[in-house]
Amino acid sequence: MHRFHFPLDHALRYKERRERIEEIRQAQALGEKQKRDAEVERIRRLIDDTAVALQGQMGKPVNLATWFATLNRSEQLGKQMQAAQDEVGRAIVRLQAAQARYRQAAQEAESLRTLRHHAMQEHQTAAARAEQNFLEEIALFRWQNAEDEDTEENAS
């Protein structure tokens, strides 16, 4: 019997490469989201530090310049926080898109792997059947030769 050949092998290799690429892209998107989350956390800590500093100044006379500087810093941190949260939202959208592309690529590759597996099983079954037929033909041939020899011996 001939060697197993899967006609969609080239397509399977392509889909498996695409699956690996999408897996890498998904990991990159996850890393980007984590980076954006870390930025939000960094800004949150700065806001907390500014709030603690303001609480320490409560009930004490405060220089007007210091008060305006703290106000400006608070406004700046608020804008940074909003921008960072917007970036997290965009990173989540990119991550979800990357996850969807990976799932699609993995599903396509798995479908072809399943087809290949079934084709290989069918090939092995056909090979086993062909071998069994060949062995049965040999046995039948030997049996017929033995019968012919017995008939010839009995006739002589």
Protein backbone atom coordinates (compact mmCIF):
# COMPACT_ATOMS: atom_id res chain seq x y z
CA MET A 1 0.00 0.00 0.00
CA HIS A 2 1.26 3.49 -0.76
CA ARG A 3 2.46 5.96 1.85
CA PHE A 4 -0.17 8.20 3.49
CA HIS A 5 -0.62 11.56 1.79
CA PHE A 6 -2.99 14.23 3.08
CA PRO A 7 -4.02 16.46 0.16
CA LEU A 8 -4.65 19.44 2.45
CA ASP A 9 -1.25 19.21 4.16
CA HIS A 10 -0.10 22.54 2.71
CA ALA A 11 -3.29 24.24 3.92
CA LEU A 12 -2.86 22.62 7.34
CA ARG A 13 0.70 23.94 7.67
CA TYR A 14 -0.49 27.40 6.63
CA LYS A 15 -3.34 27.34 9.18
CA GLU A 16 -0.99 26.12 11.93
CA ARG A 17 1.44 28.97 11.17
CA ARG A 18 -1.47 31.42 11.24
CA GLU A 19 -2.59 29.93 14.55
CA ARG A 20 0.89 30.46 16.06
CA ILE A 21 1.04 34.02 14.74
CA GLU A 22 -2.39 34.85 16.19
CA GLU A 23 -1.37 33.27 19.50
CA ILE A 24 1.68 35.57 19.58
CA ARG A 25 -0.47 38.57 18.69
CA GLN A 26 -2.90 37.65 21.46
CA ALA A 27 -0.02 37.47 23.94
CA GLN A 28 1.24 40.86 22.74
CA ALA A 29 -2.23 42.37 23.14
CA LEU A 30 -2.46 40.91 26.64
CA GLY A 31 0.95 42.38 27.49
CA GLU A 32 -0.18 45.76 26.16
CA LYS A 33 -3.34 45.63 28.27
CA GLN A 34 -1.32 44.73 31.36
CA LYS A 35 1.01 47.64 30.62
CA ARG A 36 -1.99 49.98 30.38
CA ASP A 37 -3.42 48.59 33.64
CA ALA A 38 -0.07 49.22 35.33
CA GLU A 39 -0.15 52.83 34.08
CA VAL A 40 -3.65 53.31 35.56
CA GLU A 41 -2.41 51.86 38.85
CA ARG A 42 0.65 54.16 38.82
CA ILE A 43 -1.58 57.21 38.31
CA ARG A 44 -3.97 55.96 41.01
CA ARG A 45 -1.03 55.81 43.46
CA LEU A 46 -0.03 59.37 42.51
CA ILE A 47 -3.60 60.54 43.11
CA ASP A 48 -3.61 58.75 46.47
CA ASP A 49 -0.28 60.37 47.38
CA THR A 50 -1.65 63.80 46.42
CA ALA A 51 -4.78 63.17 48.52
CA VAL A 52 -2.65 62.17 51.53
CA ALA A 53 -0.56 65.32 51.09
CA LEU A 54 -3.75 67.43 50.96
CA GLN A 55 -5.06 65.79 54.12
CA GLY A 56 -1.83 66.62 55.86
CA GLN A 57 -2.34 70.28 54.99
CA MET A 58 -5.93 70.42 56.26
CA GLY A 59 -6.41 72.95 59.03
CA LYS A 60 -3.03 74.54 58.42
CA PRO A 61 -2.26 77.75 56.63
CA VAL A 62 -1.33 76.99 53.04
CA ASN A 63 0.67 79.13 50.67
CA LEU A 64 -1.49 80.20 47.73
CA ALA A 65 1.16 79.07 45.22
CA THR A 66 1.28 75.62 46.86
CA TRP A 67 -2.50 75.42 46.76
CA PHE A 68 -2.60 76.27 43.02
CA ALA A 69 0.26 73.86 42.31
CA THR A 70 -1.61 71.08 44.10
CA LEU A 71 -4.83 72.00 42.25
CA ASN A 72 -3.02 71.96 38.90
CA ARG A 73 -1.35 68.67 39.78
CA SER A 74 -4.74 67.18 40.71
CA GLU A 75 -6.28 68.33 37.43
CA GLN A 76 -3.28 66.98 35.50
CA LEU A 77 -3.54 63.62 37.27
CA GLY A 78 -7.28 63.51 36.58
CA LYS A 79 -6.66 64.05 32.86
CA GLN A 80 -3.86 61.47 32.87
CA MET A 81 -6.15 59.00 34.62
CA GLN A 82 -8.91 59.56 32.08
CA ALA A 83 -6.46 59.13 29.20
CA ALA A 84 -4.97 56.01 30.79
CA GLN A 85 -8.42 54.50 31.35
CA ASP A 86 -9.31 55.27 27.73
CA GLU A 87 -6.11 53.44 26.69
CA VAL A 88 -7.13 50.47 28.85
CA GLY A 89 -10.49 50.41 27.07
CA ARG A 90 -8.80 50.45 23.67
CA ALA A 91 -6.35 47.78 24.83
CA ILE A 92 -9.28 45.60 25.93
CA VAL A 93 -10.89 45.99 22.51
CA ARG A 94 -7.60 45.05 20.80
CA LEU A 95 -7.19 42.07 23.16
CA GLN A 96 -10.72 40.86 22.46
CA ALA A 97 -10.14 41.18 18.71
CA ALA A 98 -6.84 39.28 19.02
CA GLN A 99 -8.56 36.58 21.08
CA ALA A 100 -11.30 36.25 18.47
CA ARG A 101 -8.74 35.98 15.65
CA TYR A 102 -6.79 33.38 17.63
CA ARG A 103 -9.93 31.35 18.34
CA GLN A 104 -10.84 31.44 14.65
CA ALA A 105 -7.34 30.43 13.54
CA ALA A 106 -7.18 27.66 16.16
CA GLN A 107 -10.58 26.35 15.09
CA GLU A 108 -9.56 26.30 11.42
CA ALA A 109 -6.28 24.53 12.19
CA GLU A 110 -8.02 22.03 14.48
CA SER A 111 -10.60 21.27 11.80
CA LEU A 112 -7.85 20.42 9.34
CA ARG A 113 -5.99 18.38 11.97
CA THR A 114 -9.19 16.43 12.61
CA LEU A 115 -9.67 15.86 8.87
CA ARG A 116 -6.06 14.68 8.62
CA HIS A 117 -6.54 12.33 11.57
CA HIS A 118 -9.68 10.82 10.02
CA ALA A 119 -7.98 10.48 6.64
CA MET A 120 -5.01 8.78 8.28
CA GLN A 121 -7.33 6.39 10.12
CA GLU A 122 -9.10 5.56 6.86
CA HIS A 123 -5.73 5.01 5.18
CA GLN A 124 -4.60 2.69 7.98
CA THR A 125 -7.89 0.80 7.83
CA ALA A 126 -7.58 0.41 4.06
CA ALA A 127 -3.94 -0.69 4.44
CA ALA A 128 -4.91 -3.26 7.06
CA ARG A 129 -7.75 -4.49 4.84
CA ALA A 130 -5.41 -4.76 1.84
CA GLU A 131 -2.85 -6.66 3.89
CA GLN A 132 -5.56 -8.99 5.19
CA ASN A 133 -6.79 -9.60 1.63
CA PHE A 134 -3.23 -10.30 0.51
CA LEU A 135 -2.71 -12.79 3.36
CA GLU A 136 -6.03 -14.47 2.59
CA GLU A 137 -5.05 -14.77 -1.08
CA ILE A 138 -1.73 -16.37 -0.09
CA ALA A 139 -3.50 -18.78 2.25
CA LEU A 140 -6.06 -19.62 -0.43
CA PHE A 141 -3.30 -20.11 -3.02
CA ARG A 142 -1.39 -22.42 -0.66
CA TRP A 143 -4.55 -24.33 0.22
CA GLN A 144 -5.39 -24.78 -3.47
CA ASN A 145 -1.82 -25.96 -4.20
CA ALA A 146 -2.03 -28.42 -1.33
CA GLU A 147 -5.40 -29.66 -2.64
CA ASP A 148 -3.97 -30.03 -6.15
CA GLU A 149 -0.99 -31.97 -4.79
CA ASP A 150 -3.29 -34.23 -2.74
CA THR A 151 -5.45 -34.83 -5.82
CA GLU A 152 -2.38 -35.68 -7.92
CA GLU A 153 -1.07 -38.08 -5.25
CA ASN A 154 -4.43 -39.81 -4.99
CA ALA A 155 -4.69 -40.09 -8.78
CA SER A 156 -1.30 -41.77 -9.14
